[in-house]
Protein backbone atom coordinates (compact mmCIF):
# COMPACT_ATOMS: atom_id res chain seq x y z
CA MET A 1 -16.34 -99.72 8.05
CA SER A 2 -15.52 -99.92 4.36
CA VAL A 3 -18.12 -101.13 1.94
CA ASP A 4 -18.14 -101.68 -1.82
CA LYS A 5 -21.47 -99.92 -2.25
CA ALA A 6 -23.30 -97.97 0.45
CA PRO A 7 -27.08 -97.98 0.39
CA PHE A 8 -27.23 -94.24 -0.26
CA LEU A 9 -25.14 -94.30 -3.44
CA PRO A 10 -27.00 -93.94 -6.80
CA GLU A 11 -27.77 -97.10 -8.73
CA PRO A 12 -25.38 -97.62 -11.71
CA LEU A 13 -26.72 -96.11 -14.93
CA PRO A 14 -27.95 -98.57 -17.54
CA PRO A 15 -25.75 -99.08 -20.55
CA LYS A 16 -26.45 -96.69 -23.35
CA ALA A 17 -24.89 -95.49 -26.54
CA LYS A 18 -22.12 -92.98 -26.12
CA VAL A 19 -23.27 -89.40 -26.70
CA ASP A 20 -21.16 -87.00 -28.79
CA TRP A 21 -21.56 -83.73 -26.84
CA ASP A 22 -20.17 -81.69 -29.74
CA ASP A 23 -23.24 -82.69 -31.82
CA LEU A 24 -25.71 -81.47 -29.18
CA SER A 25 -27.26 -78.06 -29.04
CA ASP A 26 -26.68 -75.80 -26.02
CA ALA A 27 -30.20 -76.53 -24.68
CA GLU A 28 -29.67 -80.29 -24.99
CA ARG A 29 -26.38 -80.03 -23.13
CA ILE A 30 -27.97 -78.18 -20.27
CA MET A 31 -30.85 -80.64 -19.98
CA ARG A 32 -28.51 -83.70 -19.98
CA ALA A 33 -26.23 -82.09 -17.41
CA THR A 34 -28.92 -81.05 -14.95
CA VAL A 35 -31.51 -83.81 -15.01
CA PRO A 36 -31.15 -85.78 -11.75
CA VAL A 37 -30.00 -89.35 -12.06
CA GLU A 38 -31.57 -91.03 -8.99
CA PRO A 39 -32.55 -89.36 -5.69
CA TYR A 40 -30.19 -90.02 -2.76
CA ARG A 41 -31.59 -92.07 0.05
CA ALA A 42 -30.44 -90.94 3.55
CA ALA A 43 -28.17 -93.36 5.32
CA PRO A 44 -28.74 -94.20 9.00
CA ARG A 45 -26.44 -92.38 11.44
CA GLU A 46 -25.45 -95.62 13.21
CA PHE A 47 -22.90 -96.44 10.54
CA GLU A 48 -19.44 -96.03 12.05
CA CYS A 49 -18.05 -94.98 8.72
CA ILE A 50 -20.40 -94.66 5.90
CA ALA A 51 -18.20 -93.59 3.07
CA ARG A 52 -16.38 -95.94 0.80
CA PRO A 53 -12.54 -96.16 0.33
CA ALA A 54 -11.02 -94.52 -2.63
CA ASN A 55 -8.86 -96.59 -5.02
CA GLY A 56 -5.22 -96.77 -4.30
CA ASN A 57 -4.25 -94.61 -7.27
CA ASP A 58 -5.28 -91.38 -5.59
CA SER A 59 -2.08 -89.38 -5.80
CA SER A 60 -3.50 -86.34 -4.03
CA SER A 61 -3.32 -87.99 -0.62
CA ASP A 62 -0.67 -86.49 1.67
CA GLY A 63 0.18 -89.64 3.43
CA PRO A 64 0.45 -93.36 2.83
CA GLY A 65 -2.72 -95.46 2.53
CA GLU A 66 -6.09 -94.73 1.16
CA ARG A 67 -8.47 -91.86 1.72
CA SER A 68 -12.12 -92.67 2.19
CA VAL A 69 -14.63 -91.09 -0.18
CA VAL A 70 -17.53 -88.76 0.56
CA GLN A 71 -19.81 -88.40 -2.42
CA LEU A 72 -21.60 -85.03 -2.36
CA GLY A 73 -25.10 -84.20 -3.37
CA ASN A 74 -27.32 -81.14 -3.02
CA ASP A 75 -30.06 -83.14 -1.23
CA ARG A 76 -27.62 -84.94 1.05
CA LEU A 77 -25.90 -82.01 2.88
CA HIS A 78 -26.85 -83.25 6.39
CA GLN A 79 -25.61 -86.82 5.53
CA ASN A 80 -22.40 -85.45 4.03
CA VAL A 81 -21.64 -83.54 7.25
CA ASN A 82 -22.22 -86.70 9.31
CA GLU A 83 -19.90 -88.69 6.97
CA THR A 84 -17.19 -86.01 7.24
CA GLU A 85 -17.33 -85.94 11.04
CA ASP A 86 -17.20 -89.78 11.29
CA LEU A 87 -14.17 -90.00 8.95
CA LEU A 88 -12.31 -87.19 10.77
CA ILE A 89 -12.87 -89.09 14.03
CA GLU A 90 -11.84 -92.40 12.50
CA ALA A 91 -8.67 -90.81 11.18
CA GLY A 92 -7.63 -89.84 14.73
CA LEU A 93 -7.08 -86.21 13.94
CA PRO A 94 -6.55 -84.05 17.13
CA ILE A 95 -9.89 -82.28 16.83
CA PHE A 96 -11.71 -81.72 20.13
CA VAL A 97 -14.66 -80.02 21.70
CA ARG A 98 -13.97 -77.28 24.23
CA ALA A 99 -16.22 -74.51 25.56
CA GLY A 100 -18.63 -74.69 22.66
CA HIS A 101 -15.93 -74.69 19.97
CA LEU A 102 -14.00 -77.20 17.89
CA VAL A 103 -10.37 -76.71 18.92
CA ARG A 104 -7.03 -78.15 17.99
CA PRO A 105 -3.80 -78.28 20.03
CA VAL A 106 -1.13 -75.83 19.13
CA THR A 107 2.51 -76.39 20.24
CA GLU A 108 5.72 -74.46 19.86
CA ARG A 109 9.17 -74.55 21.17
CA VAL A 110 10.24 -71.62 23.39
CA ALA A 111 13.54 -70.69 24.89
CA ALA A 112 14.39 -72.13 28.33
CA ALA A 113 17.42 -71.73 30.61
CA ASP A 114 20.94 -72.50 29.35
CA GLU A 115 20.11 -72.08 25.69
CA GLN A 116 17.70 -74.98 25.83
CA THR A 117 14.18 -75.06 24.49
CA VAL A 118 10.91 -76.58 25.81
CA LEU A 119 7.71 -77.59 24.18
CA ILE A 120 4.54 -75.69 25.32
CA GLY A 121 1.00 -76.26 24.21
CA LYS A 122 -2.44 -74.60 24.20
CA PHE A 123 -5.75 -74.95 22.39
CA ARG A 124 -7.00 -72.76 19.62
CA ALA A 125 -10.50 -72.59 18.14
CA MET A 126 -10.51 -73.97 14.64
CA SER A 127 -11.29 -71.77 11.72
CA ASN A 128 -13.20 -72.84 8.59
CA ASP A 129 -10.00 -72.98 6.60
CA GLU A 130 -8.23 -75.10 9.19
CA LEU A 131 -11.08 -77.63 9.16
CA ILE A 132 -11.12 -77.68 5.34
CA ASP A 133 -7.34 -78.43 5.37
CA ASP A 134 -7.90 -81.40 7.72
CA MET A 135 -10.78 -82.60 5.52
CA ALA A 136 -8.63 -82.38 2.41
CA LYS A 137 -5.84 -84.44 4.10
CA THR A 138 -8.19 -87.16 5.26
CA ILE A 139 -11.06 -87.45 2.81
CA ARG A 140 -11.50 -87.48 -0.98
CA PHE A 141 -14.66 -85.56 -1.91
CA GLU A 142 -16.50 -86.36 -5.14
CA ARG A 143 -19.37 -84.92 -7.14
CA PHE A 144 -21.25 -86.69 -9.93
CA ASP A 145 -20.24 -85.38 -13.35
CA GLY A 146 -23.20 -85.61 -15.61
CA ARG A 147 -21.08 -85.03 -18.72
CA LYS A 148 -18.74 -87.90 -17.87
CA GLU A 149 -21.51 -89.87 -16.20
CA ASP A 150 -19.12 -90.71 -13.35
CA TRP A 151 -17.93 -89.37 -10.03
CA ALA A 152 -15.17 -86.81 -10.12
CA ALA A 153 -12.83 -85.46 -7.34
CA THR A 154 -13.73 -81.97 -5.99
CA LYS A 155 -12.52 -79.60 -3.32
CA PRO A 156 -13.72 -80.03 0.28
CA PRO A 157 -17.00 -78.04 0.42
CA ARG A 158 -17.07 -74.92 2.52
CA ASP A 159 -20.68 -75.39 3.54
CA VAL A 160 -19.91 -78.83 5.07
CA ALA A 161 -17.02 -77.36 7.07
CA SER A 162 -19.12 -74.39 8.20
CA ILE A 163 -22.08 -76.60 9.35
CA LEU A 164 -19.69 -78.96 11.21
CA LEU A 165 -17.98 -76.03 13.04
CA ASN A 166 -21.40 -74.77 14.19
CA ARG A 167 -22.91 -78.01 15.39
CA GLU A 168 -22.51 -77.18 19.11
CA GLY A 169 -24.27 -79.78 21.29
CA ARG A 170 -24.31 -82.46 18.53
CA TRP A 171 -20.63 -83.08 17.95
CA ARG A 172 -19.21 -86.56 18.34
CA PHE A 173 -15.62 -85.34 18.66
CA PRO A 174 -14.12 -85.95 22.18
CA VAL A 175 -14.32 -83.28 24.84
CA VAL A 176 -10.88 -82.06 26.07
CA VAL A 177 -10.23 -80.34 29.42
CA GLY A 178 -6.52 -79.61 29.28
CA ILE A 179 -3.17 -79.94 27.47
CA VAL A 180 0.15 -80.99 29.07
CA THR A 181 3.63 -81.60 27.78
CA THR A 182 4.89 -83.40 30.86
CA PRO A 183 3.86 -86.85 32.13
CA THR A 184 1.20 -86.62 34.80
CA LEU A 185 -1.08 -88.74 36.96
CA ARG A 186 -4.59 -90.12 36.77
CA ARG A 187 -6.82 -90.24 39.87
CA ASP A 188 -5.90 -93.86 40.55
CA GLY A 189 -2.12 -93.04 40.58
CA SER A 190 -1.35 -94.49 37.11
CA ILE A 191 0.92 -92.44 34.96
CA LEU A 192 -0.33 -90.61 31.87
CA SER A 193 2.64 -90.83 29.54
CA ASP A 194 1.28 -92.04 26.22
CA PRO A 195 1.18 -89.18 23.70
CA GLY A 196 -2.30 -88.20 22.43
CA TYR A 197 -5.76 -88.03 24.00
CA ASP A 198 -6.37 -89.77 27.31
CA PRO A 199 -10.09 -90.65 27.55
CA ILE A 200 -9.81 -91.15 31.40
CA THR A 201 -8.63 -87.65 32.27
CA ARG A 202 -9.81 -86.14 28.90
CA VAL A 203 -6.34 -84.47 28.71
CA PHE A 204 -4.27 -84.17 25.53
CA TYR A 205 -0.57 -85.11 26.19
CA VAL A 206 1.98 -83.75 23.76
CA GLU A 207 5.33 -85.54 24.28
CA ASP A 208 8.39 -83.34 24.56
CA THR A 209 11.14 -85.50 23.09
CA GLN A 210 13.81 -83.42 24.76
CA LEU A 211 12.41 -84.28 28.27
CA GLN A 212 14.36 -87.28 29.57
CA MET A 213 12.44 -89.13 32.25
CA PRO A 214 14.19 -91.63 34.56
CA LEU A 215 12.70 -95.07 35.08
CA LEU A 216 9.84 -94.99 37.54
CA SER A 217 9.15 -97.78 39.95
CA ASN A 218 5.78 -99.53 39.44
CA ARG A 219 5.25 -99.50 43.18
CA PRO A 220 7.24 -96.76 44.92
CA THR A 221 7.73 -97.10 48.70
CA GLN A 222 7.70 -94.57 51.49
CA ASP A 223 11.46 -94.50 51.35
CA ASP A 224 11.30 -93.62 47.74
CA ALA A 225 8.81 -90.83 48.53
CA VAL A 226 11.06 -89.41 51.25
CA GLU A 227 13.99 -89.33 48.92
CA ALA A 228 11.82 -87.67 46.25
CA LEU A 229 10.53 -85.10 48.63
CA ASP A 230 14.01 -84.27 49.89
CA LEU A 231 14.99 -83.57 46.33
CA LEU A 232 12.17 -81.10 45.93
CA LYS A 233 12.88 -79.47 49.27
CA GLY A 234 16.44 -79.01 48.13
CA LEU A 235 15.18 -76.49 45.57
CA LEU A 236 13.54 -74.38 48.36
CA VAL A 237 16.25 -74.17 51.08
CA GLU A 238 17.06 -70.53 50.42
CA PHE A 239 13.46 -69.24 50.28
CA PRO A 240 12.63 -67.29 53.54
CA PHE A 241 9.58 -69.24 54.64
CA VAL A 242 7.99 -67.87 57.81
CA SER A 243 6.96 -71.29 59.14
CA PRO A 244 6.86 -75.00 58.19
CA VAL A 245 3.28 -74.48 57.02
CA ASP A 246 4.52 -71.95 54.47
CA ARG A 247 7.03 -74.48 53.02
CA ALA A 248 4.28 -77.10 52.86
CA VAL A 249 2.22 -74.70 50.75
CA ALA A 250 5.18 -74.21 48.41
CA LEU A 251 5.64 -77.97 48.07
CA SER A 252 1.92 -78.33 47.50
CA GLY A 253 2.28 -75.84 44.62
CA ILE A 254 4.87 -78.08 42.90
CA LEU A 255 2.88 -81.30 43.35
CA THR A 256 -0.42 -79.73 42.33
CA ALA A 257 1.07 -78.28 39.17
CA VAL A 258 2.43 -81.64 38.04
CA CYS A 259 -0.57 -83.73 39.03
CA ARG A 260 -3.32 -81.29 38.34
CA PRO A 261 -5.15 -83.35 35.59
CA ALA A 262 -5.97 -85.95 38.16
CA MET A 263 -8.00 -83.49 40.26
CA PRO A 264 -11.26 -81.82 39.27
CA VAL A 265 -10.47 -78.74 41.38
CA ALA A 266 -7.52 -77.51 43.44
CA PRO A 267 -7.12 -74.48 45.70
CA MET A 268 -5.30 -71.36 44.72
CA HIS A 269 -1.75 -71.10 46.03
CA ALA A 270 -1.15 -67.55 47.14
CA ILE A 271 2.41 -66.34 47.78
CA LYS A 272 2.68 -63.19 49.87
CA ALA A 273 5.41 -61.05 51.45
CA THR A 274 5.73 -57.72 53.19
CA THR A 275 8.52 -56.41 50.96
CA PRO A 276 9.13 -56.50 47.15
CA GLY A 277 12.03 -58.67 45.96
CA THR A 278 11.41 -61.45 48.53
CA GLY A 279 11.02 -64.16 45.89
CA LYS A 280 7.24 -64.62 45.45
CA THR A 281 7.24 -64.77 41.67
CA TYR A 282 10.45 -66.84 41.58
CA LEU A 283 8.81 -69.43 43.77
CA VAL A 284 6.03 -69.79 41.25
CA ASP A 285 8.67 -70.07 38.54
CA VAL A 286 10.18 -73.07 40.29
CA ALA A 287 6.82 -74.93 40.23
CA SER A 288 6.26 -73.86 36.64
CA MET A 289 9.72 -75.02 35.45
CA ILE A 290 9.11 -78.50 36.80
CA ALA A 291 5.55 -78.76 35.45
CA THR A 292 5.97 -77.03 32.08
CA GLY A 293 9.64 -76.47 31.50
CA GLN A 294 9.45 -72.69 31.42
CA LYS A 295 9.11 -69.82 33.86
CA CYS A 296 5.51 -68.91 34.48
CA PRO A 297 3.92 -66.26 32.25
CA VAL A 298 1.93 -63.89 34.44
CA ILE A 299 -1.05 -61.58 34.15
CA THR A 300 -2.17 -58.77 36.33
CA MET A 301 -5.59 -58.09 37.94
CA GLY A 302 -7.75 -55.70 36.02
CA LYS A 303 -8.88 -52.36 37.45
CA VAL A 304 -12.41 -53.85 37.62
CA GLU A 305 -13.53 -57.45 38.16
CA GLU A 306 -15.04 -57.70 34.61
CA GLU A 307 -11.61 -56.99 33.08
CA THR A 308 -9.95 -59.57 35.20
CA GLU A 309 -12.61 -62.11 34.26
CA LYS A 310 -11.98 -61.55 30.53
CA ARG A 311 -8.25 -61.97 30.92
CA LEU A 312 -8.73 -65.18 32.85
CA GLY A 313 -11.39 -66.42 30.42
CA ALA A 314 -8.92 -66.26 27.49
CA LEU A 315 -6.32 -68.31 29.37
CA LEU A 316 -8.89 -70.85 30.54
CA MET A 317 -10.12 -71.26 26.98
CA ALA A 318 -6.61 -71.98 25.81
CA GLY A 319 -6.24 -74.68 28.47
CA VAL A 320 -2.93 -73.41 29.78
CA PRO A 321 -1.64 -75.57 32.64
CA ILE A 322 -0.64 -72.74 34.98
CA ILE A 323 -2.15 -69.36 35.63
CA SER A 324 -0.30 -66.79 37.77
CA LEU A 325 -1.85 -63.49 38.91
CA ASP A 326 1.10 -61.21 39.68
CA ASN A 327 1.36 -58.23 42.00
CA CYS A 328 -2.04 -58.72 43.62
CA ASN A 329 -1.25 -56.17 46.32
CA GLY A 330 -4.02 -55.49 48.83
CA GLU A 331 -7.37 -57.29 48.78
CA MET A 332 -8.11 -60.15 46.39
CA GLY A 333 -11.42 -61.83 45.83
CA GLY A 334 -14.39 -61.69 43.52
CA ASP A 335 -16.88 -64.20 42.05
CA MET A 336 -14.75 -65.27 39.10
CA LEU A 337 -11.65 -66.07 41.09
CA CYS A 338 -13.69 -67.94 43.68
CA GLN A 339 -15.43 -70.03 41.01
CA MET A 340 -12.37 -70.92 38.94
CA VAL A 341 -10.54 -72.47 41.94
CA GLU A 342 -13.61 -74.16 43.47
CA ARG A 343 -15.72 -75.30 40.55
CA PRO A 344 -14.55 -77.75 37.78
CA MET A 345 -16.54 -75.76 35.25
CA VAL A 346 -17.09 -71.95 35.01
CA ARG A 347 -18.90 -69.60 32.68
CA ALA A 348 -16.43 -66.88 31.74
CA ARG A 349 -16.44 -63.93 29.33
CA ILE A 350 -13.64 -64.05 26.79
CA LEU A 351 -11.54 -61.04 25.97
CA GLY A 352 -12.49 -59.68 22.52
CA ARG A 353 -15.70 -61.81 22.30
CA SER A 354 -19.28 -61.21 23.29
CA GLU A 355 -19.84 -64.81 24.42
CA ALA A 356 -19.53 -66.38 27.83
CA PRO A 357 -19.03 -70.13 27.29
CA GLU A 358 -18.82 -72.82 29.96
CA ILE A 359 -15.23 -73.85 30.37
CA GLU A 360 -13.87 -76.94 32.16
CA ILE A 361 -10.73 -76.24 34.01
CA ARG A 362 -7.52 -78.19 34.71
CA SER A 363 -5.21 -75.20 35.40
CA THR A 364 -3.29 -74.69 38.65
CA CYS A 365 -3.77 -71.11 39.84
CA PHE A 366 -1.19 -69.04 41.66
CA ALA A 367 -1.29 -65.43 42.98
CA THR A 368 1.48 -63.30 44.32
CA GLY A 369 1.46 -59.97 46.13
CA ASN A 370 2.91 -57.80 48.83
CA ASN A 371 0.60 -57.84 51.90
CA LEU A 372 -1.91 -59.65 49.83
CA GLN A 373 -5.23 -60.15 51.71
CA LEU A 374 -7.82 -62.81 50.72
CA ARG A 375 -11.32 -61.44 51.01
CA GLY A 376 -14.53 -63.25 51.81
CA ASP A 377 -14.96 -66.67 50.28
CA MET A 378 -11.35 -66.69 48.91
CA THR A 379 -10.09 -67.40 52.45
CA ARG A 380 -11.42 -70.94 52.16
CA ARG A 381 -10.41 -71.44 48.51
CA ALA A 382 -6.72 -70.62 48.77
CA ILE A 383 -3.70 -71.78 50.82
CA VAL A 384 -1.12 -69.11 51.62
CA CYS A 385 2.62 -69.14 51.69
CA ASN A 386 4.30 -66.32 53.66
CA LEU A 387 7.80 -65.17 52.83
CA ASP A 388 9.82 -62.73 55.00
CA ALA A 389 13.53 -62.18 54.49
CA GLY A 390 13.70 -59.65 57.34
CA LEU A 391 15.60 -57.26 55.15
CA GLU A 392 14.87 -53.76 53.82
CA ARG A 393 16.33 -54.70 50.43
CA PRO A 394 15.80 -58.45 50.04
CA GLU A 395 16.49 -58.31 46.31
CA LEU A 396 20.16 -57.74 47.11
CA ARG A 397 20.56 -61.15 48.77
CA VAL A 398 23.25 -63.43 47.30
CA PHE A 399 22.22 -67.09 46.74
CA THR A 400 24.41 -70.10 46.41
CA PHE A 401 22.36 -71.63 43.47
CA LYS A 402 19.41 -70.98 41.23
CA PRO A 403 16.65 -73.49 41.57
CA THR A 404 15.24 -72.81 38.09
CA ASP A 405 18.65 -73.62 36.58
CA MET A 406 18.92 -76.81 38.53
CA VAL A 407 15.43 -77.91 37.22
CA SER A 408 16.28 -77.00 33.72
CA GLY A 409 19.48 -79.06 33.80
CA ASP A 410 17.59 -82.31 34.61
CA ARG A 411 13.81 -81.54 34.55
CA GLY A 412 12.86 -85.17 34.20
CA LYS A 413 14.33 -86.00 37.65
CA TYR A 414 12.21 -83.42 39.35
CA VAL A 415 9.03 -84.39 37.48
CA ALA A 416 9.65 -87.98 38.55
CA ALA A 417 10.16 -86.80 42.18
CA ALA A 418 6.78 -85.05 42.23
CA LEU A 419 4.99 -88.07 40.71
CA THR A 420 6.74 -90.46 43.14
CA VAL A 421 5.64 -88.57 46.26
CA VAL A 422 1.94 -88.89 45.27
CA ARG A 423 2.22 -92.45 43.77
CA ALA A 424 3.95 -93.81 46.80
CA TYR A 425 1.17 -92.59 49.06
CA ILE A 426 -1.52 -94.08 46.88
CA ALA A 427 0.50 -97.39 46.58
CA ALA A 428 0.69 -97.55 50.36
CA GLY A 429 -3.00 -97.52 50.61
CA SER A 430 -3.37 -93.82 51.51
CA PRO A 431 -2.53 -94.27 55.19
CA GLY A 432 -3.75 -91.50 57.56
CA LYS A 433 -5.89 -89.85 54.87
CA LEU A 434 -6.96 -86.48 56.13
CA ALA A 435 -10.54 -85.41 56.28
CA PRO A 436 -11.38 -83.53 53.06
CA ILE A 437 -11.50 -79.72 53.01
CA GLY A 438 -14.51 -78.08 51.29
CA SER A 439 -14.63 -79.05 47.64
CA TYR A 440 -11.10 -80.24 47.36
CA ASP A 441 -11.47 -83.97 48.11
CA ALA A 442 -9.13 -85.27 45.41
CA TRP A 443 -6.45 -82.58 46.10
CA SER A 444 -6.67 -83.37 49.80
CA ASP A 445 -6.37 -87.08 49.24
CA MET A 446 -3.45 -86.91 46.70
CA VAL A 447 -1.36 -83.80 47.55
CA ARG A 448 -2.18 -82.66 51.10
CA SER A 449 -2.38 -86.12 52.72
CA SER A 450 0.88 -87.28 50.99
CA LEU A 451 2.79 -84.33 52.34
CA VAL A 452 1.53 -84.84 55.95
CA TRP A 453 2.23 -88.63 55.52
CA LEU A 454 5.91 -87.66 54.93
CA GLY A 455 6.10 -85.47 57.95
CA GLU A 456 5.34 -82.02 56.43
CA ALA A 457 2.95 -79.53 58.02
CA ASP A 458 -0.60 -79.42 56.84
CA PRO A 459 -0.83 -76.66 54.21
CA VAL A 460 -4.56 -76.15 54.98
CA LEU A 461 -3.50 -74.62 58.32
CA SER A 462 -2.59 -71.48 56.39
CA MET A 463 -6.32 -70.91 55.72
CA GLU A 464 -6.89 -70.09 59.41
CA LYS A 465 -4.47 -67.18 59.34
CA ALA A 466 -5.91 -65.97 55.98
CA ARG A 467 -9.36 -66.04 57.54
CA GLU A 468 -8.14 -63.97 60.56
CA GLU A 469 -6.76 -61.37 58.16
CA ASP A 470 -9.90 -61.30 55.93
CA PRO A 471 -10.89 -57.60 55.66
CA GLN A 472 -14.50 -58.60 55.30
CA LEU A 473 -14.41 -60.57 58.55
CA MET A 474 -12.62 -57.77 60.31
CA GLU A 475 -15.33 -55.36 59.34
CA ILE A 476 -17.95 -57.62 60.69
CA LYS A 477 -16.07 -58.14 63.98
CA GLU A 478 -15.68 -54.37 64.36
CA ILE A 479 -19.38 -53.62 63.78
CA PHE A 480 -20.54 -56.44 66.05
CA GLY A 481 -18.27 -55.16 68.77
CA GLN A 482 -19.36 -51.57 68.45
CA TRP A 483 -23.06 -52.51 68.25
CA ARG A 484 -22.68 -54.51 71.47
CA GLU A 485 -21.13 -51.48 73.18
CA CYS A 486 -23.42 -48.70 71.84
CA LEU A 487 -26.69 -50.47 71.26
CA HIS A 488 -28.52 -53.31 73.05
CA LEU A 489 -28.32 -57.01 72.24
CA GLY A 490 -31.64 -58.40 71.14
CA ASP A 491 -33.29 -55.02 70.48
CA ARG A 492 -34.63 -54.39 67.02
CA TYR A 493 -33.52 -51.33 65.07
CA THR A 494 -34.20 -49.84 61.64
CA THR A 495 -31.21 -48.61 59.58
CA LYS A 496 -32.40 -45.08 60.45
CA ALA A 497 -32.21 -45.72 64.11
CA ILE A 498 -28.78 -47.29 63.84
CA ILE A 499 -27.50 -44.28 61.84
CA THR A 500 -29.05 -41.85 64.35
CA CYS A 501 -27.17 -43.51 67.19
CA ALA A 502 -23.85 -43.52 65.24
CA THR A 503 -24.17 -39.83 64.26
CA ASP A 504 -25.54 -38.57 67.59
CA SER A 505 -23.60 -35.51 68.80
CA PHE A 506 -22.18 -35.33 72.29
CA GLY A 507 -21.94 -31.61 73.30
CA GLN A 508 -18.96 -29.85 71.78
CA ASP A 509 -16.76 -32.92 71.82
CA GLY A 510 -18.16 -34.34 68.61
CA LEU A 511 -19.91 -37.68 68.11
CA ARG A 512 -21.14 -39.72 71.01
CA TYR A 513 -20.04 -42.96 69.36
CA PRO A 514 -17.31 -42.09 66.90
CA ASP A 515 -15.98 -45.67 66.59
CA LEU A 516 -19.41 -47.01 65.61
CA ASN A 517 -19.74 -44.22 63.09
CA ASP A 518 -16.41 -45.02 61.49
CA ALA A 519 -17.14 -48.73 61.34
CA LEU A 520 -20.45 -48.11 59.51
CA VAL A 521 -18.90 -45.59 57.13
CA LYS A 522 -16.47 -48.34 56.05
CA VAL A 523 -19.18 -50.70 54.88
CA ALA A 524 -22.03 -48.27 53.96
CA GLY A 525 -20.35 -44.89 53.50
CA GLN A 526 -21.19 -42.51 50.61
CA GLY A 527 -19.40 -39.21 50.55
CA GLY A 528 -18.28 -39.63 54.14
CA ARG A 529 -21.77 -40.22 55.36
CA ILE A 530 -23.65 -43.49 56.19
CA SER A 531 -26.13 -44.48 53.50
CA SER A 532 -29.27 -46.01 54.83
CA LYS A 533 -29.72 -48.10 51.69
CA SER A 534 -26.13 -49.32 51.65
CA LEU A 535 -26.31 -50.26 55.35
CA GLY A 536 -29.49 -52.20 54.75
CA ARG A 537 -27.81 -54.18 51.95
CA TRP A 538 -24.81 -54.85 54.16
CA LEU A 539 -27.04 -56.07 57.00
CA MET A 540 -28.97 -58.38 54.66
CA ARG A 541 -25.74 -59.90 53.28
CA THR A 542 -24.37 -60.43 56.81
CA HIS A 543 -27.50 -61.74 58.59
CA GLY A 544 -27.23 -65.21 59.97
CA ARG A 545 -23.46 -65.35 59.83
CA VAL A 546 -22.01 -66.22 63.30
CA VAL A 547 -18.95 -64.20 64.29
CA ASN A 548 -17.55 -64.22 67.88
CA GLY A 549 -20.74 -65.94 69.00
CA LEU A 550 -23.03 -63.24 67.60
CA LYS A 551 -25.23 -62.91 64.58
CA ILE A 552 -27.74 -60.53 62.99
CA LEU A 553 -31.43 -61.36 62.67
CA VAL A 554 -33.73 -59.68 60.11
CA TYR A 555 -37.32 -58.86 60.80
CA LEU A 556 -39.07 -57.98 57.56
CA ASP A 557 -41.59 -55.15 57.61
CA GLU A 558 -42.40 -53.63 54.25
CA LYS A 559 -44.72 -51.00 55.83
CA HIS A 560 -42.55 -49.51 58.52
CA GLY A 561 -39.11 -50.60 57.37
CA HIS A 562 -37.13 -53.79 58.05
CA LYS A 563 -35.62 -54.15 61.53
CA TYR A 564 -32.40 -55.73 62.59
CA ALA A 565 -31.16 -57.21 65.85
CA LEU A 566 -27.77 -58.44 67.06
CA VAL A 567 -28.23 -61.55 69.15
CA SER A 568 -26.28 -64.26 70.81
CA ALA A 569 -26.08 -67.21 68.44
CA GLU A 570 -26.26 -69.65 71.32
CA GLN A 571 -29.35 -68.02 72.86
CA GLU A 572 -31.15 -67.74 69.55
CA THR A 573 -30.48 -71.47 68.91
CA GLN A 574 -31.90 -72.39 72.29
CA GLN A 575 -34.99 -70.43 71.64
């Protein structure tokens, strides 16, 4: 709102005779320059724009049109910060709130296949100087000059920029959750293709002018979806999928990467093989080439979980659309990984910083590894694609074409195909919608159900095999089985009694129950021996979980030691 005179501006000075400053003493000059004119009166915050426009003769403006004016005063610092924020928002500058920081989108062109380039984007926390630069481009700042008895232009004040940067929790700038350079979907199936900030998804879309998109039908049919899915499947024909479920997981990875802004959360897509060189990372590259235009940058797991968390935190803060954990050989799990693929917002430590801000996520997460095993809760938060070429040296295979080169040659066609598969399913009224799985309602409705609608296998079926291979579950099964053979169901034992049974000698032949001893050493071993404290912690973590119809009950006894019993879950329920 522009006004000729805002209520907080000083009243005009009464006419008076012109003063010749050269005739005044130094003391008189100081007095005239420092005596306040009229105290500023604070303006109400409800003004949409509370500064006045500058005159059209301001030649310092970088662009066409007029810059609004903020008139500075020592007793109006709070109000000046409010005015500055309002005018920056009104100007439409790409300044956003993310994870407790003001951020701006950063884009650059990187090399792609066949000497082409592609636009990529990320977010970067704004510095004081960056904010001052935006203030200078948008606003004319003035201070009252007592000598000239008029307002004069001045540089954007650093204290205003500093206070605005540190106003966490009070910003009026929009919150942003992700950045994309490819058209994507909203939850209702509408296409997000207008450059800039989308208030529905809270995603910032940067248009890549080199991406040529074909015309998309307003209401695609099932036939359109079948044709689109066949186009995507054509990229995957030479990957050695073990079963149709594995191909469905790969297709899900493509659709999820393109449509991720429409879904609060999405499961991890894990690609595993038995032999290096089978094509795990390349399969992720295919999905990344369609969704972003470039092969997927990868990170490795840290030696400890805290290191992995910091690496992931930096990527999540930047808002990158795809994260790929490469060479995750062996077991994979941990609290941070579980949270980032199951919760829309996580608190993560950032590499190089002491803070742990809350970060809202719209990234698609992949993991690749040889003989990768999902541990614990990860088994229900990831779908798994198995590749097996059946060769000792699969990297020596000769292929008839390169899928990434095909995508690079006409990327818009493949983006449109991914959008069409999901949009056609929504346009048809979501027929045969599958029951949601865990926290992934939107993903199940949009990606999983659309694939099954078109005749593909259910990618969620891969979770069952991952669960069977879960090392944590295998440990529980082994101990329950040995307990049933060596101890008595329903009887109560202290950890000391359990260890005594497992380490009981049997003449000269060694241990009486060596398999029970080995099983307990795996979960509670220290230096090759069973630790009573570690065993107690394991039993407390496991109690109540039903496995093969059995579960552990805990009987607390601080005086004589807690006791534990393995019971039939069915019998315990009947009691």
